[in-house]
C-alpha atoms as a PDB file:
ATOM      1  CA  UNK A   1      22.315  -0.351  -7.191  1.00  0.00           C
ATOM      2  CA  UNK A   2      18.246  -1.514  -6.603  1.00  0.00           C
ATOM      3  CA  UNK A   3      19.079  -4.554  -7.005  1.00  0.00           C
ATOM      4  CA  UNK A   4      21.267  -4.492  -3.955  1.00  0.00           C
ATOM      5  CA  UNK A   5      17.970  -3.633  -1.750  1.00  0.00           C
ATOM      6  CA  UNK A   6      17.374  -6.535   0.806  1.00  0.00           C
ATOM      7  CA  UNK A   7      13.546  -6.214  -0.878  1.00  0.00           C
ATOM      8  CA  UNK A   8      12.718  -9.572   1.744  1.00  0.00           C
ATOM      9  CA  UNK A   9      13.824  -8.282   4.773  1.00  0.00           C
ATOM     10  CA  UNK A  10      10.487  -8.358   6.361  1.00  0.00           C
ATOM     11  CA  UNK A  11       9.588 -11.418   5.119  1.00  0.00           C
ATOM     12  CA  UNK A  12      12.749 -13.588   6.627  1.00  0.00           C
ATOM     13  CA  UNK A  13      12.738 -11.408   9.653  1.00  0.00           C
ATOM     14  CA  UNK A  14       8.496 -12.100  10.198  1.00  0.00           C
ATOM     15  CA  UNK A  15       7.114 -15.245   8.895  1.00  0.00           C
ATOM     16  CA  UNK A  16       6.012 -17.180  11.530  1.00  0.00           C
ATOM     17  CA  UNK A  17       4.364 -13.762  12.832  1.00  0.00           C
ATOM     18  CA  UNK A  18       2.661 -13.158   9.730  1.00  0.00           C
ATOM     19  CA  UNK A  19       0.896 -16.910   9.966  1.00  0.00           C
ATOM     20  CA  UNK A  20       0.053 -16.702  13.830  1.00  0.00           C
ATOM     21  CA  UNK A  21      -1.309 -13.628  12.914  1.00  0.00           C
ATOM     22  CA  UNK A  22      -3.586 -15.155   9.962  1.00  0.00           C
ATOM     23  CA  UNK A  23      -4.633 -17.786  12.040  1.00  0.00           C
ATOM     24  CA  UNK A  24      -5.854 -16.012  14.458  1.00  0.00           C
ATOM     25  CA  UNK A  25      -7.959 -13.703  12.218  1.00  0.00           C
ATOM     26  CA  UNK A  26      -9.776 -16.433  10.615  1.00  0.00           C
ATOM     27  CA  UNK A  27     -10.031 -17.997  14.151  1.00  0.00           C
ATOM     28  CA  UNK A  28     -11.633 -14.454  15.345  1.00  0.00           C
ATOM     29  CA  UNK A  29     -13.209 -13.380  12.580  1.00  0.00           C
ATOM     30  CA  UNK A  30     -14.674 -16.557  11.283  1.00  0.00           C
ATOM     31  CA  UNK A  31     -17.550 -14.750   9.494  1.00  0.00           C
ATOM     32  CA  UNK A  32     -15.288 -12.105   6.922  1.00  0.00           C
ATOM     33  CA  UNK A  33     -14.662 -13.118   3.393  1.00  0.00           C
ATOM     34  CA  UNK A  34     -10.559 -13.323   3.806  1.00  0.00           C
ATOM     35  CA  UNK A  35      -7.721 -13.649   1.148  1.00  0.00           C
ATOM     36  CA  UNK A  36      -5.481 -17.331   1.466  1.00  0.00           C
ATOM     37  CA  UNK A  37      -2.479 -16.572   3.436  1.00  0.00           C
ATOM     38  CA  UNK A  38      -0.902 -17.098   0.315  1.00  0.00           C
ATOM     39  CA  UNK A  39      -2.230 -13.842  -1.411  1.00  0.00           C
ATOM     40  CA  UNK A  40      -1.087 -11.961   2.172  1.00  0.00           C
ATOM     41  CA  UNK A  41       2.520 -13.387   1.692  1.00  0.00           C
ATOM     42  CA  UNK A  42       1.872 -12.203  -2.362  1.00  0.00           C
ATOM     43  CA  UNK A  43       1.117  -8.905  -0.989  1.00  0.00           C
ATOM     44  CA  UNK A  44       4.447  -8.726   1.519  1.00  0.00           C
ATOM     45  CA  UNK A  45       6.735  -8.881  -1.601  1.00  0.00           C
ATOM     46  CA  UNK A  46       5.299  -6.535  -3.450  1.00  0.00           C
ATOM     47  CA  UNK A  47       5.387  -4.486  -0.614  1.00  0.00           C
ATOM     48  CA  UNK A  48       8.815  -4.465   0.269  1.00  0.00           C
ATOM     49  CA  UNK A  49       9.969  -4.850  -2.775  1.00  0.00           C
ATOM     50  CA  UNK A  50       9.680  -0.700  -2.528  1.00  0.00           C
ATOM     51  CA  UNK A  51      10.903  -0.543   1.213  1.00  0.00           C
ATOM     52  CA  UNK A  52      13.617   1.788   1.161  1.00  0.00           C
ATOM     53  CA  UNK A  53      16.798   1.465   3.314  1.00  0.00           C
ATOM     54  CA  UNK A  54      15.298   3.608   5.395  1.00  0.00           C
ATOM     55  CA  UNK A  55      12.137   4.206   6.601  1.00  0.00           C
ATOM     56  CA  UNK A  56      11.758   7.918   6.796  1.00  0.00           C
ATOM     57  CA  UNK A  57       7.791   8.212   6.673  1.00  0.00           C
ATOM     58  CA  UNK A  58       5.429   5.632   6.870  1.00  0.00           C
ATOM     59  CA  UNK A  59       2.151   5.947   5.250  1.00  0.00           C
ATOM     60  CA  UNK A  60      -0.068   3.560   7.189  1.00  0.00           C
ATOM     61  CA  UNK A  61      -3.863   2.768   5.479  1.00  0.00           C
ATOM     62  CA  UNK A  62      -6.409   0.484   6.015  1.00  0.00           C
ATOM     63  CA  UNK A  63      -6.095  -2.687   3.472  1.00  0.00           C
ATOM     64  CA  UNK A  64      -4.841  -3.960   0.050  1.00  0.00           C
ATOM     65  CA  UNK A  65      -8.423  -5.291  -1.939  1.00  0.00           C
ATOM     66  CA  UNK A  66      -9.657  -8.484  -1.208  1.00  0.00           C
ATOM     67  CA  UNK A  67      -7.725 -10.915  -4.159  1.00  0.00           C
ATOM     68  CA  UNK A  68      -8.920 -14.160  -4.667  1.00  0.00           C
ATOM     69  CA  UNK A  69      -7.078 -17.441  -5.210  1.00  0.00           C
ATOM     70  CA  UNK A  70      -8.021 -18.050  -8.808  1.00  0.00           C
ATOM     71  CA  UNK A  71      -6.541 -14.256  -9.897  1.00  0.00           C
ATOM     72  CA  UNK A  72      -3.606 -14.426  -7.575  1.00  0.00           C
ATOM     73  CA  UNK A  73      -2.172 -17.230  -9.924  1.00  0.00           C
ATOM     74  CA  UNK A  74      -1.974 -14.600 -12.531  1.00  0.00           C
ATOM     75  CA  UNK A  75       1.743 -13.717 -13.785  1.00  0.00           C
ATOM     76  CA  UNK A  76       1.507 -10.135 -14.657  1.00  0.00           C
ATOM     77  CA  UNK A  77       2.752  -9.907 -18.307  1.00  0.00           C
ATOM     78  CA  UNK A  78       5.716  -7.493 -17.834  1.00  0.00           C
ATOM     79  CA  UNK A  79       7.436  -5.653 -20.874  1.00  0.00           C
ATOM     80  CA  UNK A  80      10.633  -6.967 -21.675  1.00  0.00           C
ATOM     81  CA  UNK A  81      12.807  -4.468 -20.543  1.00  0.00           C
ATOM     82  CA  UNK A  82      15.246  -4.030 -17.635  1.00  0.00           C
ATOM     83  CA  UNK A  83      13.136  -1.586 -15.846  1.00  0.00           C
ATOM     84  CA  UNK A  84      10.348  -4.295 -15.021  1.00  0.00           C
ATOM     85  CA  UNK A  85      13.289  -7.363 -13.748  1.00  0.00           C
ATOM     86  CA  UNK A  86      12.895  -8.611 -10.539  1.00  0.00           C
ATOM     87  CA  UNK A  87       9.464  -7.533 -10.027  1.00  0.00           C
ATOM     88  CA  UNK A  88       7.009  -9.708  -7.929  1.00  0.00           C
ATOM     89  CA  UNK A  89       4.883 -11.722 -10.690  1.00  0.00           C
ATOM     90  CA  UNK A  90       2.068 -12.646  -8.874  1.00  0.00           C
ATOM     91  CA  UNK A  91      -1.261 -10.747  -9.275  1.00  0.00           C
ATOM     92  CA  UNK A  92      -2.444  -8.845  -5.866  1.00  0.00           C
ATOM     93  CA  UNK A  93      -5.060  -6.152  -5.574  1.00  0.00           C
ATOM     94  CA  UNK A  94      -2.799  -3.473  -4.023  1.00  0.00           C
ATOM     95  CA  UNK A  95      -0.874  -0.424  -5.585  1.00  0.00           C
ATOM     96  CA  UNK A  96       2.423  -1.549  -5.453  1.00  0.00           C
ATOM     97  CA  UNK A  97       1.092  -4.639  -7.621  1.00  0.00           C
ATOM     98  CA  UNK A  98       1.935  -3.037 -11.429  1.00  0.00           C
ATOM     99  CA  UNK A  99      -0.486  -5.091 -12.800  1.00  0.00           C
ATOM    100  CA  UNK A 100      -3.655  -3.840 -10.613  1.00  0.00           C
ATOM    101  CA  UNK A 101      -5.402  -1.230 -12.807  1.00  0.00           C
ATOM    102  CA  UNK A 102      -3.076  -2.282 -15.955  1.00  0.00           C
ATOM    103  CA  UNK A 103      -5.366  -4.194 -17.977  1.00  0.00           C
ATOM    104  CA  UNK A 104      -2.656  -5.066 -20.889  1.00  0.00           C
ATOM    105  CA  UNK A 105      -0.660  -6.691 -18.632  1.00  0.00           C
ATOM    106  CA  UNK A 106      -2.571  -9.561 -16.595  1.00  0.00           C
ATOM    107  CA  UNK A 107      -5.805 -11.675 -18.687  1.00  0.00           C
ATOM    108  CA  UNK A 108      -8.644 -12.698 -16.988  1.00  0.00           C
ATOM    109  CA  UNK A 109      -8.896  -9.614 -14.002  1.00  0.00           C
ATOM    110  CA  UNK A 110     -12.209  -8.432 -13.910  1.00  0.00           C
ATOM    111  CA  UNK A 111     -12.923  -4.730 -12.249  1.00  0.00           C
ATOM    112  CA  UNK A 112      -9.571  -4.232 -12.489  1.00  0.00           C
ATOM    113  CA  UNK A 113      -9.582  -0.113 -12.104  1.00  0.00           C
ATOM    114  CA  UNK A 114      -6.491  -0.208  -9.411  1.00  0.00           C
ATOM    115  CA  UNK A 115      -6.312   2.664  -7.135  1.00  0.00           C
ATOM    116  CA  UNK A 116      -5.737   6.019  -8.873  1.00  0.00           C
ATOM    117  CA  UNK A 117      -6.466   8.211  -5.874  1.00  0.00           C
ATOM    118  CA  UNK A 118      -3.632   6.370  -4.608  1.00  0.00           C
ATOM    119  CA  UNK A 119      -0.864   7.408  -7.542  1.00  0.00           C
ATOM    120  CA  UNK A 120      -2.330  10.800  -7.000  1.00  0.00           C
ATOM    121  CA  UNK A 121      -0.846  10.236  -2.792  1.00  0.00           C
ATOM    122  CA  UNK A 122       2.435   8.934  -4.509  1.00  0.00           C
ATOM    123  CA  UNK A 123       3.095  11.540  -6.929  1.00  0.00           C
ATOM    124  CA  UNK A 124       2.289  14.164  -4.155  1.00  0.00           C
ATOM    125  CA  UNK A 125       4.940  12.558  -1.368  1.00  0.00           C
ATOM    126  CA  UNK A 126       7.251  12.093  -4.328  1.00  0.00           C
ATOM    127  CA  UNK A 127       7.384  15.589  -5.879  1.00  0.00           C
ATOM    128  CA  UNK A 128       9.681  18.751  -5.371  1.00  0.00           C
ATOM    129  CA  UNK A 129       7.729  21.010  -6.523  1.00  0.00           C
ATOM    130  CA  UNK A 130       3.409  22.055  -7.117  1.00  0.00           C
ATOM    131  CA  UNK A 131       3.448  20.328  -9.674  1.00  0.00           C
ATOM    132  CA  UNK A 132       2.277  16.919  -8.627  1.00  0.00           C
ATOM    133  CA  UNK A 133       2.514  15.577 -12.662  1.00  0.00           C
ATOM    134  CA  UNK A 134      -0.373  13.055 -12.015  1.00  0.00           C
ATOM    135  CA  UNK A 135      -0.333  12.974 -15.357  1.00  0.00           C
ATOM    136  CA  UNK A 136       2.524  10.351 -15.631  1.00  0.00           C
ATOM    137  CA  UNK A 137       1.117   7.607 -14.173  1.00  0.00           C
ATOM    138  CA  UNK A 138      -2.777   9.047 -15.383  1.00  0.00           C
ATOM    139  CA  UNK A 139      -4.795   6.823 -18.310  1.00  0.00           C
ATOM    140  CA  UNK A 140      -6.164   9.803 -19.100  1.00  0.00           C
ATOM    141  CA  UNK A 141      -3.495  12.281 -19.938  1.00  0.00           C
ATOM    142  CA  UNK A 142      -0.765   9.429 -20.557  1.00  0.00           C
ATOM    143  CA  UNK A 143      -2.862   6.572 -22.651  1.00  0.00           C
ATOM    144  CA  UNK A 144       0.536   4.964 -23.742  1.00  0.00           C
ATOM    145  CA  UNK A 145       0.398   2.268 -21.660  1.00  0.00           C
ATOM    146  CA  UNK A 146       4.284   1.316 -21.864  1.00  0.00           C
ATOM    147  CA  UNK A 147       5.045   5.082 -20.839  1.00  0.00           C
ATOM    148  CA  UNK A 148       2.485   4.713 -18.240  1.00  0.00           C
ATOM    149  CA  UNK A 149       3.758   1.723 -16.892  1.00  0.00           C
ATOM    150  CA  UNK A 150       7.615   3.247 -16.965  1.00  0.00           C
ATOM    151  CA  UNK A 151       6.265   6.348 -14.735  1.00  0.00           C
ATOM    152  CA  UNK A 152       4.882   4.240 -11.906  1.00  0.00           C
ATOM    153  CA  UNK A 153       8.047   2.377 -11.562  1.00  0.00           C
ATOM    154  CA  UNK A 154      10.090   5.095 -11.685  1.00  0.00           C
ATOM    155  CA  UNK A 155       7.731   7.082  -9.243  1.00  0.00           C
ATOM    156  CA  UNK A 156       8.168   4.536  -6.667  1.00  0.00           C
ATOM    157  CA  UNK A 157      11.505   4.525  -6.888  1.00  0.00           C
ATOM    158  CA  UNK A 158      11.640   7.852  -6.394  1.00  0.00           C
ATOM    159  CA  UNK A 159       9.260   6.921  -3.365  1.00  0.00           C
ATOM    160  CA  UNK A 160      12.189   4.508  -2.199  1.00  0.00           C
ATOM    161  CA  UNK A 161      15.079   6.623  -2.455  1.00  0.00           C
ATOM    162  CA  UNK A 162      12.981   9.518  -0.406  1.00  0.00           C
ATOM    163  CA  UNK A 163      12.115   6.796   2.027  1.00  0.00           C
ATOM    164  CA  UNK A 164       8.667   6.927   1.717  1.00  0.00           C
ATOM    165  CA  UNK A 165       6.675   3.832   2.168  1.00  0.00           C
ATOM    166  CA  UNK A 166       2.665   2.405   2.573  1.00  0.00           C
ATOM    167  CA  UNK A 167       2.053  -0.101   4.870  1.00  0.00           C
ATOM    168  CA  UNK A 168      -1.573  -1.399   5.402  1.00  0.00           C
ATOM    169  CA  UNK A 169      -2.665  -1.792   9.055  1.00  0.00           C
ATOM    170  CA  UNK A 170      -4.737  -4.662   8.263  1.00  0.00           C
ATOM    171  CA  UNK A 171      -2.538  -7.505   6.977  1.00  0.00           C
ATOM    172  CA  UNK A 172      -6.064  -9.003   5.315  1.00  0.00           C
ATOM    173  CA  UNK A 173      -8.015  -7.401   2.052  1.00  0.00           C
ATOM    174  CA  UNK A 174     -11.034  -5.658   3.842  1.00  0.00           C
ATOM    175  CA  UNK A 175     -12.737  -4.907   1.099  1.00  0.00           C
ATOM    176  CA  UNK A 176     -14.404  -7.450  -1.749  1.00  0.00           C
ATOM    177  CA  UNK A 177     -15.701  -5.878  -4.875  1.00  0.00           C
ATOM    178  CA  UNK A 178     -17.248  -3.024  -2.812  1.00  0.00           C
ATOM    179  CA  UNK A 179     -18.507  -4.614   0.065  1.00  0.00           C
ATOM    180  CA  UNK A 180     -17.169  -3.227   3.662  1.00  0.00           C
ATOM    181  CA  UNK A 181     -17.162  -4.496   6.972  1.00  0.00           C
ATOM    182  CA  UNK A 182     -19.169  -2.712   9.610  1.00  0.00           C
ATOM    183  CA  UNK A 183     -16.914   0.078  12.169  1.00  0.00           C
ATOM    184  CA  UNK A 184     -16.632  -1.913  14.898  1.00  0.00           C
ATOM    185  CA  UNK A 185     -15.156  -4.730  13.483  1.00  0.00           C
ATOM    186  CA  UNK A 186     -12.682  -3.155  11.408  1.00  0.00           C
ATOM    187  CA  UNK A 187     -11.449  -1.133  14.324  1.00  0.00           C
ATOM    188  CA  UNK A 188     -11.166  -4.615  16.064  1.00  0.00           C
ATOM    189  CA  UNK A 189      -9.228  -6.089  12.912  1.00  0.00           C
ATOM    190  CA  UNK A 190      -7.117  -3.418  12.761  1.00  0.00           C
ATOM    191  CA  UNK A 191      -6.453  -3.494  16.523  1.00  0.00           C
ATOM    192  CA  UNK A 192      -5.584  -6.974  16.007  1.00  0.00           C
ATOM    193  CA  UNK A 193      -3.056  -6.789  13.210  1.00  0.00           C
ATOM    194  CA  UNK A 194      -1.054  -3.914  14.598  1.00  0.00           C
ATOM    195  CA  UNK A 195      -1.081  -5.849  18.306  1.00  0.00           C
ATOM    196  CA  UNK A 196       0.306  -8.802  16.448  1.00  0.00           C
ATOM    197  CA  UNK A 197       2.565  -7.308  13.182  1.00  0.00           C
ATOM    198  CA  UNK A 198       2.415  -4.057  12.131  1.00  0.00           C
ATOM    199  CA  UNK A 199       3.842  -2.568  15.373  1.00  0.00           C
ATOM    200  CA  UNK A 200       6.851  -4.250  15.006  1.00  0.00           C
ATOM    201  CA  UNK A 201       7.775  -3.902  11.671  1.00  0.00           C
ATOM    202  CA  UNK A 202       7.039   0.211  12.336  1.00  0.00           C
ATOM    203  CA  UNK A 203       9.355  -0.166  15.269  1.00  0.00           C
ATOM    204  CA  UNK A 204      12.195  -1.440  13.857  1.00  0.00           C
ATOM    205  CA  UNK A 205      11.954   0.435  10.946  1.00  0.00           C
ATOM    206  CA  UNK A 206      11.466   3.494  13.131  1.00  0.00           C
ATOM    207  CA  UNK A 207      10.248   5.869  10.304  1.00  0.00           C
ATOM    208  CA  UNK A 208      10.427   9.532  11.754  1.00  0.00           C
ATOM    209  CA  UNK A 209       6.550  10.512  10.852  1.00  0.00           C
ATOM    210  CA  UNK A 210       3.835   8.348  10.317  1.00  0.00           C
ATOM    211  CA  UNK A 211       0.847   9.510   7.802  1.00  0.00           C
ATOM    212  CA  UNK A 212      -2.401   7.852   9.100  1.00  0.00           C
ATOM    213  CA  UNK A 213      -4.870   7.939   6.109  1.00  0.00           C
ATOM    214  CA  UNK A 214      -8.596   7.974   7.444  1.00  0.00           C
ATOM    215  CA  UNK A 215     -10.079   8.672  10.229  1.00  0.00           C
ATOM    216  CA  UNK A 216     -11.032   4.622  10.925  1.00  0.00           C
ATOM    217  CA  UNK A 217      -7.287   3.619  10.807  1.00  0.00           C
ATOM    218  CA  UNK A 218      -6.586   6.665  13.356  1.00  0.00           C
ATOM    219  CA  UNK A 219      -9.578   5.998  15.122  1.00  0.00           C
ATOM    220  CA  UNK A 220      -7.960   2.191  15.823  1.00  0.00           C
ATOM    221  CA  UNK A 221      -3.962   3.455  15.820  1.00  0.00           C
ATOM    222  CA  UNK A 222      -3.638   6.963  17.172  1.00  0.00           C
ATOM    223  CA  UNK A 223      -3.670   5.948  20.954  1.00  0.00           C
ATOM    224  CA  UNK A 224      -1.677   3.225  19.931  1.00  0.00           C
ATOM    225  CA  UNK A 225       1.014   5.474  18.147  1.00  0.00           C
ATOM    226  CA  UNK A 226       1.060   8.345  21.208  1.00  0.00           C
ATOM    227  CA  UNK A 227       1.924   4.851  23.831  1.00  0.00           C
ATOM    228  CA  UNK A 228       4.810   4.179  21.025  1.00  0.00           C
ATOM    229  CA  UNK A 229       5.730   7.714  21.179  1.00  0.00           C
ATOM    230  CA  UNK A 230       5.852   7.940  16.978  1.00  0.00           C
ATOM    231  CA  UNK A 231       5.062  11.416  15.593  1.00  0.00           C
ATOM    232  CA  UNK A 232       2.009  10.951  13.098  1.00  0.00           C
ATOM    233  CA  UNK A 233      -0.597  12.279  10.798  1.00  0.00           C
ATOM    234  CA  UNK A 234      -4.018  11.741  10.273  1.00  0.00           C
ATOM    235  CA  UNK A 235      -5.088  12.466   6.485  1.00  0.00           C
ATOM    236  CA  UNK A 236      -8.707  11.674   5.468  1.00  0.00           C
ATOM    237  CA  UNK A 237      -9.066   8.998   2.695  1.00  0.00           C
ATOM    238  CA  UNK A 238      -8.376   9.323  -1.186  1.00  0.00           C
ATOM    239  CA  UNK A 239     -11.742   9.130  -1.524  1.00  0.00           C
ATOM    240  CA  UNK A 240     -13.279  11.209   0.845  1.00  0.00           C
ATOM    241  CA  UNK A 241     -16.322  13.291   0.552  1.00  0.00           C
ATOM    242  CA  UNK A 242     -14.099  15.899   0.129  1.00  0.00           C
ATOM    243  CA  UNK A 243     -14.079  19.815  -2.079  1.00  0.00           C
ATOM    244  CA  UNK A 244     -11.862  19.729  -4.871  1.00  0.00           C
ATOM    245  CA  UNK A 245     -10.215  22.389  -3.302  1.00  0.00           C
ATOM    246  CA  UNK A 246      -9.265  19.933   0.544  1.00  0.00           C
ATOM    247  CA  UNK A 247      -8.529  16.931  -1.662  1.00  0.00           C
ATOM    248  CA  UNK A 248      -5.348  19.597  -2.756  1.00  0.00           C
ATOM    249  CA  UNK A 249      -4.596  20.873   0.849  1.00  0.00           C
ATOM    250  CA  UNK A 250      -4.567  17.336   1.732  1.00  0.00           C
ATOM    251  CA  UNK A 251      -1.917  16.153  -1.699  1.00  0.00           C
ATOM    252  CA  UNK A 252      -0.011  19.355  -0.465  1.00  0.00           C
ATOM    253  CA  UNK A 253       0.124  17.954   3.229  1.00  0.00           C
ATOM    254  CA  UNK A 254       1.231  14.936   2.174  1.00  0.00           C
ATOM    255  CA  UNK A 255       3.843  16.439  -0.643  1.00  0.00           C
ATOM    256  CA  UNK A 256       5.139  19.043   3.164  1.00  0.00           C
ATOM    257  CA  UNK A 257       5.460  16.256   5.244  1.00  0.00           C
ATOM    258  CA  UNK A 258       7.766  13.683   3.018  1.00  0.00           C
ATOM    259  CA  UNK A 259       9.815  16.525   1.433  1.00  0.00           C
ATOM    260  CA  UNK A 260      11.179  17.169   5.427  1.00  0.00           C
END
């Protein structure tokens, strides 16, 4: 049963470590406008809810999107259906948060487009055939809000059952409404978060393979993964400037790795 999964495993194991890492990031990178610790903790809650019992494949991305406190206090208004029972309720700009990109679930959230490109990756990772069925979670192709939302939950459950889990290398949001930080600072933040928090998670979960999403993360973390002996593949960011065929090939690689 889904409710038997220990959704708060990592939160219980690492509360002091996440607080220490967060405080040190604020000290070291004082010019960065980062989320509050409460936001970071709620991001962890959403992420841990969908953590598999046994992680087989880790998707390692850069970070969630910066979430201001006034958005984080907004509660997600799930439909009255048992499929939505026990889901985390505070809004954060993370693909695992069902309110992100779904305006019918939240109020007073601006520019809430979500990250449909990551739902494409999820669809490919969960698919057992050449048809990735992204249309099931697409607003354009599945405009009915309830149907689309239920499809998203079903997709996330399938990923969890297959042992696929998305983890961000940075614990803080590095994208603030389209604004990005420089590559050198980005690399420093990623490396610091890896050394002081994320590496502990990877070593604890011991995935069979890691898919690094984006060259930025790859450049910062690849050498560190080789040191601890984890197999990995670097694939382009889903928003990278690639041809349609190159994007499709990347999705096929996600599918192949997650179905090994």
